[in-house]
PDB file of N, CA and C in Angstrom:
ATOM      1  N   SER A   1      61.213  73.400 167.966  1.00  0.00           N
ATOM      2  CA  SER A   1      62.227  73.670 168.957  1.00  0.00           C
ATOM      3  C   SER A   1      63.357  74.500 168.354  1.00  0.00           C
ATOM      4  N   ARG A   2      64.079  75.240 169.345  1.00  0.00           N
ATOM      5  CA  ARG A   2      65.046  76.163 168.696  1.00  0.00           C
ATOM      6  C   ARG A   2      66.279  75.431 168.472  1.00  0.00           C
ATOM      7  N   PRO A   3      67.084  75.790 167.369  1.00  0.00           N
ATOM      8  CA  PRO A   3      68.254  75.118 167.107  1.00  0.00           C
ATOM      9  C   PRO A   3      69.372  75.354 168.209  1.00  0.00           C
ATOM     10  N   SER A   4      70.374  74.614 168.149  1.00  0.00           N
ATOM     11  CA  SER A   4      71.509  74.849 169.116  1.00  0.00           C
ATOM     12  C   SER A   4      71.969  76.205 168.921  1.00  0.00           C
ATOM     13  N   LYS A   5      72.602  76.658 170.120  1.00  0.00           N
ATOM     14  CA  LYS A   5      73.242  78.041 170.149  1.00  0.00           C
ATOM     15  C   LYS A   5      74.289  78.092 168.890  1.00  0.00           C
ATOM     16  N   ASP A   6      74.929  77.163 168.439  1.00  0.00           N
ATOM     17  CA  ASP A   6      75.820  77.262 167.223  1.00  0.00           C
ATOM     18  C   ASP A   6      75.208  77.383 166.056  1.00  0.00           C
ATOM     19  N   THR A   7      73.882  76.990 165.760  1.00  0.00           N
ATOM     20  CA  THR A   7      73.179  77.056 164.524  1.00  0.00           C
ATOM     21  C   THR A   7      71.971  77.997 164.467  1.00  0.00           C
ATOM     22  N   TYR A   8      71.586  78.457 165.733  1.00  0.00           N
ATOM     23  CA  TYR A   8      70.471  79.388 165.755  1.00  0.00           C
ATOM     24  C   TYR A   8      70.926  80.830 164.841  1.00  0.00           C
ATOM     25  N   MET A   9      69.800  81.222 164.175  1.00  0.00           N
ATOM     26  CA  MET A   9      70.239  82.450 163.368  1.00  0.00           C
ATOM     27  C   MET A   9      68.984  83.536 163.469  1.00  0.00           C
ATOM     28  N   ARG A  10      69.245  84.702 163.480  1.00  0.00           N
ATOM     29  CA  ARG A  10      68.393  85.832 163.353  1.00  0.00           C
ATOM     30  C   ARG A  10      68.368  86.006 161.846  1.00  0.00           C
ATOM     31  N   VAL A  11      67.120  86.095 161.243  1.00  0.00           N
ATOM     32  CA  VAL A  11      67.037  85.871 159.801  1.00  0.00           C
ATOM     33  C   VAL A  11      66.297  87.172 159.122  1.00  0.00           C
ATOM     34  N   LEU A  12      66.883  87.765 158.136  1.00  0.00           N
ATOM     35  CA  LEU A  12      66.208  88.636 157.254  1.00  0.00           C
ATOM     36  C   LEU A  12      65.757  87.861 156.040  1.00  0.00           C
ATOM     37  N   ALA A  13      64.413  87.833 155.798  1.00  0.00           N
ATOM     38  CA  ALA A  13      63.892  86.970 154.667  1.00  0.00           C
ATOM     39  C   ALA A  13      63.786  87.875 153.434  1.00  0.00           C
ATOM     40  N   LEU A  14      64.591  87.380 152.375  1.00  0.00           N
ATOM     41  CA  LEU A  14      64.444  88.103 151.149  1.00  0.00           C
ATOM     42  C   LEU A  14      63.311  87.627 150.422  1.00  0.00           C
ATOM     43  N   LEU A  15      62.191  88.475 150.321  1.00  0.00           N
ATOM     44  CA  LEU A  15      60.859  88.025 149.743  1.00  0.00           C
ATOM     45  C   LEU A  15      60.682  88.735 148.407  1.00  0.00           C
ATOM     46  N   SER A  16      60.237  87.878 147.384  1.00  0.00           N
ATOM     47  CA  SER A  16      59.731  88.438 146.069  1.00  0.00           C
ATOM     48  C   SER A  16      58.438  88.776 145.978  1.00  0.00           C
ATOM     49  N   GLY A  17      57.625  88.041 146.874  1.00  0.00           N
ATOM     50  CA  GLY A  17      56.254  88.210 146.909  1.00  0.00           C
ATOM     51  C   GLY A  17      55.552  86.976 146.380  1.00  0.00           C
ATOM     52  N   GLY A  18      56.364  85.938 145.905  1.00  0.00           N
ATOM     53  CA  GLY A  18      55.925  84.718 145.442  1.00  0.00           C
ATOM     54  C   GLY A  18      55.939  83.701 146.530  1.00  0.00           C
ATOM     55  N   LYS A  19      55.347  82.443 146.068  1.00  0.00           N
ATOM     56  CA  LYS A  19      55.268  81.458 147.019  1.00  0.00           C
ATOM     57  C   LYS A  19      56.497  80.794 147.471  1.00  0.00           C
ATOM     58  N   ASP A  20      57.482  80.795 146.643  1.00  0.00           N
ATOM     59  CA  ASP A  20      58.803  80.061 146.948  1.00  0.00           C
ATOM     60  C   ASP A  20      59.595  80.887 148.072  1.00  0.00           C
ATOM     61  N   SER A  21      59.630  82.211 147.987  1.00  0.00           N
ATOM     62  CA  SER A  21      60.324  82.859 149.001  1.00  0.00           C
ATOM     63  C   SER A  21      59.606  82.932 150.299  1.00  0.00           C
ATOM     64  N   THR A  22      58.196  83.040 150.132  1.00  0.00           N
ATOM     65  CA  THR A  22      57.379  82.915 151.354  1.00  0.00           C
ATOM     66  C   THR A  22      57.522  81.598 152.201  1.00  0.00           C
ATOM     67  N   TYR A  23      57.607  80.543 151.344  1.00  0.00           N
ATOM     68  CA  TYR A  23      57.713  79.203 151.886  1.00  0.00           C
ATOM     69  C   TYR A  23      59.050  79.077 152.630  1.00  0.00           C
ATOM     70  N   ALA A  24      60.107  79.606 151.979  1.00  0.00           N
ATOM     71  CA  ALA A  24      61.404  79.472 152.552  1.00  0.00           C
ATOM     72  C   ALA A  24      61.451  80.282 153.904  1.00  0.00           C
ATOM     73  N   MET A  25      60.739  81.496 153.982  1.00  0.00           N
ATOM     74  CA  MET A  25      60.640  82.192 155.253  1.00  0.00           C
ATOM     75  C   MET A  25      60.027  81.367 156.329  1.00  0.00           C
ATOM     76  N   MET A  26      58.838  80.698 156.021  1.00  0.00           N
ATOM     77  CA  MET A  26      58.168  80.019 156.853  1.00  0.00           C
ATOM     78  C   MET A  26      58.894  78.711 157.430  1.00  0.00           C
ATOM     79  N   LYS A  27      59.789  78.163 156.489  1.00  0.00           N
ATOM     80  CA  LYS A  27      60.651  77.014 156.965  1.00  0.00           C
ATOM     81  C   LYS A  27      61.628  77.420 157.974  1.00  0.00           C
ATOM     82  N   CYS A  28      62.228  78.705 157.739  1.00  0.00           N
ATOM     83  CA  CYS A  28      63.242  79.206 158.626  1.00  0.00           C
ATOM     84  C   CYS A  28      62.569  79.283 160.000  1.00  0.00           C
ATOM     85  N   VAL A  29      61.298  79.806 160.132  1.00  0.00           N
ATOM     86  CA  VAL A  29      60.546  79.932 161.418  1.00  0.00           C
ATOM     87  C   VAL A  29      60.366  78.511 161.958  1.00  0.00           C
ATOM     88  N   GLU A  30      59.873  77.660 161.209  1.00  0.00           N
ATOM     89  CA  GLU A  30      59.571  76.284 161.465  1.00  0.00           C
ATOM     90  C   GLU A  30      60.794  75.709 162.207  1.00  0.00           C
ATOM     91  N   HIS A  31      62.044  75.952 161.692  1.00  0.00           N
ATOM     92  CA  HIS A  31      63.105  75.326 162.218  1.00  0.00           C
ATOM     93  C   HIS A  31      63.783  76.024 163.271  1.00  0.00           C
ATOM     94  N   GLY A  32      62.960  77.008 163.975  1.00  0.00           N
ATOM     95  CA  GLY A  32      63.468  77.616 165.231  1.00  0.00           C
ATOM     96  C   GLY A  32      64.262  78.949 165.022  1.00  0.00           C
ATOM     97  N   HIS A  33      64.348  79.429 163.792  1.00  0.00           N
ATOM     98  CA  HIS A  33      65.200  80.605 163.624  1.00  0.00           C
ATOM     99  C   HIS A  33      64.206  81.869 163.877  1.00  0.00           C
ATOM    100  N   GLU A  34      64.926  82.966 164.216  1.00  0.00           N
ATOM    101  CA  GLU A  34      64.048  84.214 164.608  1.00  0.00           C
ATOM    102  C   GLU A  34      64.069  85.164 163.317  1.00  0.00           C
ATOM    103  N   LEU A  35      62.818  85.405 162.901  1.00  0.00           N
ATOM    104  CA  LEU A  35      62.602  86.236 161.713  1.00  0.00           C
ATOM    105  C   LEU A  35      62.655  87.710 162.301  1.00  0.00           C
ATOM    106  N   VAL A  36      63.608  88.487 161.879  1.00  0.00           N
ATOM    107  CA  VAL A  36      63.706  89.801 162.387  1.00  0.00           C
ATOM    108  C   VAL A  36      63.495  90.999 161.345  1.00  0.00           C
ATOM    109  N   ALA A  37      63.545  90.664 160.190  1.00  0.00           N
ATOM    110  CA  ALA A  37      63.111  91.747 159.055  1.00  0.00           C
ATOM    111  C   ALA A  37      62.874  91.150 157.766  1.00  0.00           C
ATOM    112  N   LEU A  38      62.227  91.914 156.862  1.00  0.00           N
ATOM    113  CA  LEU A  38      62.107  91.429 155.500  1.00  0.00           C
ATOM    114  C   LEU A  38      62.859  92.162 154.511  1.00  0.00           C
ATOM    115  N   GLY A  39      63.277  91.635 153.474  1.00  0.00           N
ATOM    116  CA  GLY A  39      64.112  92.433 152.335  1.00  0.00           C
ATOM    117  C   GLY A  39      63.264  92.283 150.973  1.00  0.00           C
ATOM    118  N   ASN A  40      63.345  93.154 150.214  1.00  0.00           N
ATOM    119  CA  ASN A  40      62.684  93.051 148.850  1.00  0.00           C
ATOM    120  C   ASN A  40      63.324  93.926 147.780  1.00  0.00           C
ATOM    121  N   LEU A  41      63.661  93.337 146.627  1.00  0.00           N
ATOM    122  CA  LEU A  41      64.212  93.987 145.469  1.00  0.00           C
ATOM    123  C   LEU A  41      62.948  94.163 144.506  1.00  0.00           C
ATOM    124  N   HIS A  42      62.609  95.468 144.190  1.00  0.00           N
ATOM    125  CA  HIS A  42      61.265  95.520 143.405  1.00  0.00           C
ATOM    126  C   HIS A  42      61.694  96.150 141.989  1.00  0.00           C
ATOM    127  N   PRO A  43      60.632  96.221 141.163  1.00  0.00           N
ATOM    128  CA  PRO A  43      60.909  96.838 139.892  1.00  0.00           C
ATOM    129  C   PRO A  43      61.055  98.351 140.070  1.00  0.00           C
ATOM    130  N   PRO A  44      61.839  99.066 139.312  1.00  0.00           N
ATOM    131  CA  PRO A  44      62.242 100.431 139.474  1.00  0.00           C
ATOM    132  C   PRO A  44      60.907 101.397 139.642  1.00  0.00           C
ATOM    133  N   ALA A  45      59.920 101.049 138.729  1.00  0.00           N
ATOM    134  CA  ALA A  45      58.734 101.869 138.722  1.00  0.00           C
ATOM    135  C   ALA A  45      57.752 101.457 139.959  1.00  0.00           C
ATOM    136  N   ASP A  46      58.067 100.194 140.528  1.00  0.00           N
ATOM    137  CA  ASP A  46      57.169  99.770 141.604  1.00  0.00           C
ATOM    138  C   ASP A  46      55.646 100.073 141.497  1.00  0.00           C
ATOM    139  N   ASP A  47      55.209  99.718 140.159  1.00  0.00           N
ATOM    140  CA  ASP A  47      53.839 100.065 139.883  1.00  0.00           C
ATOM    141  C   ASP A  47      53.041  98.843 139.769  1.00  0.00           C
ATOM    142  N   GLY A  48      53.695  97.647 140.203  1.00  0.00           N
ATOM    143  CA  GLY A  48      52.867  96.267 140.107  1.00  0.00           C
ATOM    144  C   GLY A  48      53.032  95.714 138.736  1.00  0.00           C
ATOM    145  N   ARG A  49      53.728  96.282 137.693  1.00  0.00           N
ATOM    146  CA  ARG A  49      53.797  95.707 136.453  1.00  0.00           C
ATOM    147  C   ARG A  49      54.939  94.746 136.436  1.00  0.00           C
ATOM    148  N   GLU A  50      54.755  93.584 135.749  1.00  0.00           N
ATOM    149  CA  GLU A  50      55.963  92.632 135.539  1.00  0.00           C
ATOM    150  C   GLU A  50      57.103  93.251 134.644  1.00  0.00           C
ATOM    151  N   MET A  51      58.245  93.081 135.158  1.00  0.00           N
ATOM    152  CA  MET A  51      59.330  93.494 134.257  1.00  0.00           C
ATOM    153  C   MET A  51      60.323  92.364 133.846  1.00  0.00           C
ATOM    154  N   ASP A  52      60.901  92.625 132.744  1.00  0.00           N
ATOM    155  CA  ASP A  52      61.972  91.581 132.179  1.00  0.00           C
ATOM    156  C   ASP A  52      63.127  91.489 133.030  1.00  0.00           C
ATOM    157  N   SER A  53      63.058  91.050 134.367  1.00  0.00           N
ATOM    158  CA  SER A  53      64.161  91.178 135.266  1.00  0.00           C
ATOM    159  C   SER A  53      65.178  90.068 134.859  1.00  0.00           C
ATOM    160  N   PHE A  54      66.506  90.392 135.028  1.00  0.00           N
ATOM    161  CA  PHE A  54      67.526  89.433 134.739  1.00  0.00           C
ATOM    162  C   PHE A  54      67.818  88.484 135.900  1.00  0.00           C
ATOM    163  N   MET A  55      67.276  88.733 137.110  1.00  0.00           N
ATOM    164  CA  MET A  55      67.532  87.932 138.158  1.00  0.00           C
ATOM    165  C   MET A  55      66.505  87.773 139.100  1.00  0.00           C
ATOM    166  N   TYR A  56      65.486  88.574 139.209  1.00  0.00           N
ATOM    167  CA  TYR A  56      64.510  88.462 140.252  1.00  0.00           C
ATOM    168  C   TYR A  56      62.995  88.375 139.764  1.00  0.00           C
ATOM    169  N   GLN A  57      62.283  87.576 140.412  1.00  0.00           N
ATOM    170  CA  GLN A  57      60.884  87.543 140.189  1.00  0.00           C
ATOM    171  C   GLN A  57      60.325  88.854 140.531  1.00  0.00           C
ATOM    172  N   THR A  58      59.408  89.438 139.820  1.00  0.00           N
ATOM    173  CA  THR A  58      58.825  90.747 140.196  1.00  0.00           C
ATOM    174  C   THR A  58      57.288  90.638 140.399  1.00  0.00           C
ATOM    175  N   VAL A  59      56.674  89.684 139.907  1.00  0.00           N
ATOM    176  CA  VAL A  59      55.194  89.578 140.123  1.00  0.00           C
ATOM    177  C   VAL A  59      55.035  89.279 141.725  1.00  0.00           C
ATOM    178  N   GLY A  60      54.116  90.135 142.156  1.00  0.00           N
ATOM    179  CA  GLY A  60      53.825  90.050 143.543  1.00  0.00           C
ATOM    180  C   GLY A  60      54.719  90.867 144.513  1.00  0.00           C
ATOM    181  N   SER A  61      55.634  91.699 143.980  1.00  0.00           N
ATOM    182  CA  SER A  61      56.481  92.471 144.684  1.00  0.00           C
ATOM    183  C   SER A  61      55.717  93.623 145.366  1.00  0.00           C
ATOM    184  N   GLU A  62      54.557  93.993 144.744  1.00  0.00           N
ATOM    185  CA  GLU A  62      53.728  95.065 145.291  1.00  0.00           C
ATOM    186  C   GLU A  62      53.090  94.656 146.549  1.00  0.00           C
ATOM    187  N   LEU A  63      53.014  93.208 146.864  1.00  0.00           N
ATOM    188  CA  LEU A  63      52.297  92.814 148.124  1.00  0.00           C
ATOM    189  C   LEU A  63      53.338  92.739 149.229  1.00  0.00           C
ATOM    190  N   VAL A  64      54.586  92.787 149.064  1.00  0.00           N
ATOM    191  CA  VAL A  64      55.533  92.674 150.120  1.00  0.00           C
ATOM    192  C   VAL A  64      55.324  93.594 151.391  1.00  0.00           C
ATOM    193  N   PRO A  65      55.158  95.012 151.030  1.00  0.00           N
ATOM    194  CA  PRO A  65      54.903  95.745 152.190  1.00  0.00           C
ATOM    195  C   PRO A  65      53.703  95.387 153.006  1.00  0.00           C
ATOM    196  N   ALA A  66      52.704  94.763 152.470  1.00  0.00           N
ATOM    197  CA  ALA A  66      51.464  94.316 153.262  1.00  0.00           C
ATOM    198  C   ALA A  66      51.899  93.147 153.974  1.00  0.00           C
ATOM    199  N   LEU A  67      52.835  92.331 153.575  1.00  0.00           N
ATOM    200  CA  LEU A  67      53.320  91.100 154.341  1.00  0.00           C
ATOM    201  C   LEU A  67      54.079  91.519 155.536  1.00  0.00           C
ATOM    202  N   ALA A  68      55.044  92.588 155.211  1.00  0.00           N
ATOM    203  CA  ALA A  68      55.751  93.129 156.406  1.00  0.00           C
ATOM    204  C   ALA A  68      54.728  93.734 157.449  1.00  0.00           C
ATOM    205  N   GLU A  69      53.889  94.362 157.066  1.00  0.00           N
ATOM    206  CA  GLU A  69      52.830  94.979 157.954  1.00  0.00           C
ATOM    207  C   GLU A  69      52.104  93.910 158.778  1.00  0.00           C
ATOM    208  N   CYS A  70      51.626  92.962 158.161  1.00  0.00           N
ATOM    209  CA  CYS A  70      51.001  91.660 158.840  1.00  0.00           C
ATOM    210  C   CYS A  70      51.845  91.003 159.801  1.00  0.00           C
ATOM    211  N   LEU A  71      53.078  91.027 159.553  1.00  0.00           N
ATOM    212  CA  LEU A  71      54.088  90.212 160.361  1.00  0.00           C
ATOM    213  C   LEU A  71      54.665  91.105 161.417  1.00  0.00           C
ATOM    214  N   GLU A  72      54.472  92.365 161.190  1.00  0.00           N
ATOM    215  CA  GLU A  72      54.921  93.474 162.142  1.00  0.00           C
ATOM    216  C   GLU A  72      56.533  93.497 162.260  1.00  0.00           C
ATOM    217  N   LEU A  73      57.025  93.346 160.989  1.00  0.00           N
ATOM    218  CA  LEU A  73      58.447  93.271 160.798  1.00  0.00           C
ATOM    219  C   LEU A  73      58.858  94.561 160.077  1.00  0.00           C
ATOM    220  N   PRO A  74      60.171  95.081 160.216  1.00  0.00           N
ATOM    221  CA  PRO A  74      60.644  96.049 159.371  1.00  0.00           C
ATOM    222  C   PRO A  74      60.926  95.607 158.065  1.00  0.00           C
ATOM    223  N   LEU A  75      60.834  96.360 156.975  1.00  0.00           N
ATOM    224  CA  LEU A  75      61.043  96.098 155.542  1.00  0.00           C
ATOM    225  C   LEU A  75      62.049  96.983 155.089  1.00  0.00           C
ATOM    226  N   PHE A  76      63.140  96.254 154.381  1.00  0.00           N
ATOM    227  CA  PHE A  76      64.032  97.007 153.714  1.00  0.00           C
ATOM    228  C   PHE A  76      63.969  96.742 152.222  1.00  0.00           C
ATOM    229  N   ARG A  77      63.727  97.775 151.338  1.00  0.00           N
ATOM    230  CA  ARG A  77      63.465  97.707 149.932  1.00  0.00           C
ATOM    231  C   ARG A  77      64.358  98.427 149.220  1.00  0.00           C
ATOM    232  N   ALA A  78      64.694  97.969 147.925  1.00  0.00           N
ATOM    233  CA  ALA A  78      65.538  98.682 146.990  1.00  0.00           C
ATOM    234  C   ALA A  78      65.179  98.307 145.542  1.00  0.00           C
ATOM    235  N   PRO A  79      65.158  99.266 144.678  1.00  0.00           N
ATOM    236  CA  PRO A  79      64.853  99.015 143.220  1.00  0.00           C
ATOM    237  C   PRO A  79      65.861  98.036 142.563  1.00  0.00           C
ATOM    238  N   ILE A  80      65.385  97.336 141.667  1.00  0.00           N
ATOM    239  CA  ILE A  80      66.389  96.482 140.894  1.00  0.00           C
ATOM    240  C   ILE A  80      67.090  97.319 139.905  1.00  0.00           C
ATOM    241  N   THR A  81      68.366  97.310 139.748  1.00  0.00           N
ATOM    242  CA  THR A  81      68.926  98.184 138.750  1.00  0.00           C
ATOM    243  C   THR A  81      69.968  97.245 138.013  1.00  0.00           C
ATOM    244  N   GLY A  82      70.384  97.694 136.799  1.00  0.00           N
ATOM    245  CA  GLY A  82      71.231  97.115 136.054  1.00  0.00           C
ATOM    246  C   GLY A  82      70.556  96.222 134.908  1.00  0.00           C
ATOM    247  N   ASP A  83      71.206  95.681 134.021  1.00  0.00           N
ATOM    248  CA  ASP A  83      70.748  94.838 132.857  1.00  0.00           C
ATOM    249  C   ASP A  83      71.586  93.596 132.763  1.00  0.00           C
ATOM    250  N   ALA A  84      70.920  92.637 132.202  1.00  0.00           N
ATOM    251  CA  ALA A  84      71.648  91.514 131.816  1.00  0.00           C
ATOM    252  C   ALA A  84      72.554  91.650 130.615  1.00  0.00           C
ATOM    253  N   VAL A  85      73.772  91.101 130.613  1.00  0.00           N
ATOM    254  CA  VAL A  85      74.604  91.251 129.529  1.00  0.00           C
ATOM    255  C   VAL A  85      74.328  90.347 128.364  1.00  0.00           C
ATOM    256  N   ASP A  86      73.820  89.089 128.786  1.00  0.00           N
ATOM    257  CA  ASP A  86      73.520  88.031 127.785  1.00  0.00           C
ATOM    258  C   ASP A  86      72.195  87.380 128.132  1.00  0.00           C
ATOM    259  N   GLN A  87      71.158  87.703 127.202  1.00  0.00           N
ATOM    260  CA  GLN A  87      69.864  87.120 127.339  1.00  0.00           C
ATOM    261  C   GLN A  87      69.429  85.896 126.345  1.00  0.00           C
ATOM    262  N   ARG A  88      70.452  85.491 125.594  1.00  0.00           N
ATOM    263  CA  ARG A  88      70.197  84.494 124.658  1.00  0.00           C
ATOM    264  C   ARG A  88      69.770  83.129 125.440  1.00  0.00           C
ATOM    265  N   LEU A  89      69.168  82.178 124.602  1.00  0.00           N
ATOM    266  CA  LEU A  89      68.870  80.989 125.222  1.00  0.00           C
ATOM    267  C   LEU A  89      69.981  80.158 125.571  1.00  0.00           C
ATOM    268  N   ILE A  90      71.018  80.079 124.798  1.00  0.00           N
ATOM    269  CA  ILE A  90      72.333  79.431 125.056  1.00  0.00           C
ATOM    270  C   ILE A  90      73.278  80.474 125.619  1.00  0.00           C
ATOM    271  N   TYR A  91      73.592  80.246 126.867  1.00  0.00           N
ATOM    272  CA  TYR A  91      74.400  81.158 127.666  1.00  0.00           C
ATOM    273  C   TYR A  91      75.870  80.979 127.252  1.00  0.00           C
ATOM    274  N   GLU A  92      76.551  82.054 127.025  1.00  0.00           N
ATOM    275  CA  GLU A  92      78.077  82.036 126.810  1.00  0.00           C
ATOM    276  C   GLU A  92      78.615  83.052 127.642  1.00  0.00           C
ATOM    277  N   ARG A  93      79.815  82.675 128.180  1.00  0.00           N
ATOM    278  CA  ARG A  93      80.330  83.624 129.167  1.00  0.00           C
ATOM    279  C   ARG A  93      80.722  84.829 128.397  1.00  0.00           C
ATOM    280  N   THR A  94      80.573  86.036 129.166  1.00  0.00           N
ATOM    281  CA  THR A  94      80.701  87.367 128.476  1.00  0.00           C
ATOM    282  C   THR A  94      81.468  88.197 129.507  1.00  0.00           C
ATOM    283  N   ASP A  95      82.405  89.015 129.147  1.00  0.00           N
ATOM    284  CA  ASP A  95      83.085  89.976 130.025  1.00  0.00           C
ATOM    285  C   ASP A  95      82.173  90.716 130.710  1.00  0.00           C
ATOM    286  N   GLY A  96      82.253  90.836 132.085  1.00  0.00           N
ATOM    287  CA  GLY A  96      81.410  91.928 132.702  1.00  0.00           C
ATOM    288  C   GLY A  96      80.098  91.210 133.065  1.00  0.00           C
ATOM    289  N   ASP A  97      79.729  89.947 132.812  1.00  0.00           N
ATOM    290  CA  ASP A  97      78.549  89.340 133.083  1.00  0.00           C
ATOM    291  C   ASP A  97      78.231  89.290 134.517  1.00  0.00           C
ATOM    292  N   GLU A  98      76.980  89.502 134.992  1.00  0.00           N
ATOM    293  CA  GLU A  98      76.707  89.497 136.364  1.00  0.00           C
ATOM    294  C   GLU A  98      76.823  87.955 137.012  1.00  0.00           C
ATOM    295  N   VAL A  99      76.898  86.981 136.186  1.00  0.00           N
ATOM    296  CA  VAL A  99      76.889  85.656 136.715  1.00  0.00           C
ATOM    297  C   VAL A  99      78.399  85.177 137.099  1.00  0.00           C
ATOM    298  N   GLU A 100      79.299  85.662 136.404  1.00  0.00           N
ATOM    299  CA  GLU A 100      80.751  85.244 136.623  1.00  0.00           C
ATOM    300  C   GLU A 100      81.413  85.920 137.773  1.00  0.00           C
TER     301      GLU A 100
END
């Protein structure tokens, strides 16, 4: 059933190509929200190779255009840019860090 007028949303699903983002998209639809578009942040080369991304899963990102085609939805894509400031195992706050 569709959510109330106050909680119904038109949704752009941000997909990595992995199962978690796909599952979240499916749950939005299951809860009655309208899926209107897909979004994806992909490796700069977009050649299907895994990259050491500081924020995003990149395995499977090459499949996102096929998902958009199957779902007959527009796809908005952009390359991942930037670098992590601190990649050590023990995080310490750093000036200019993307997390702060």
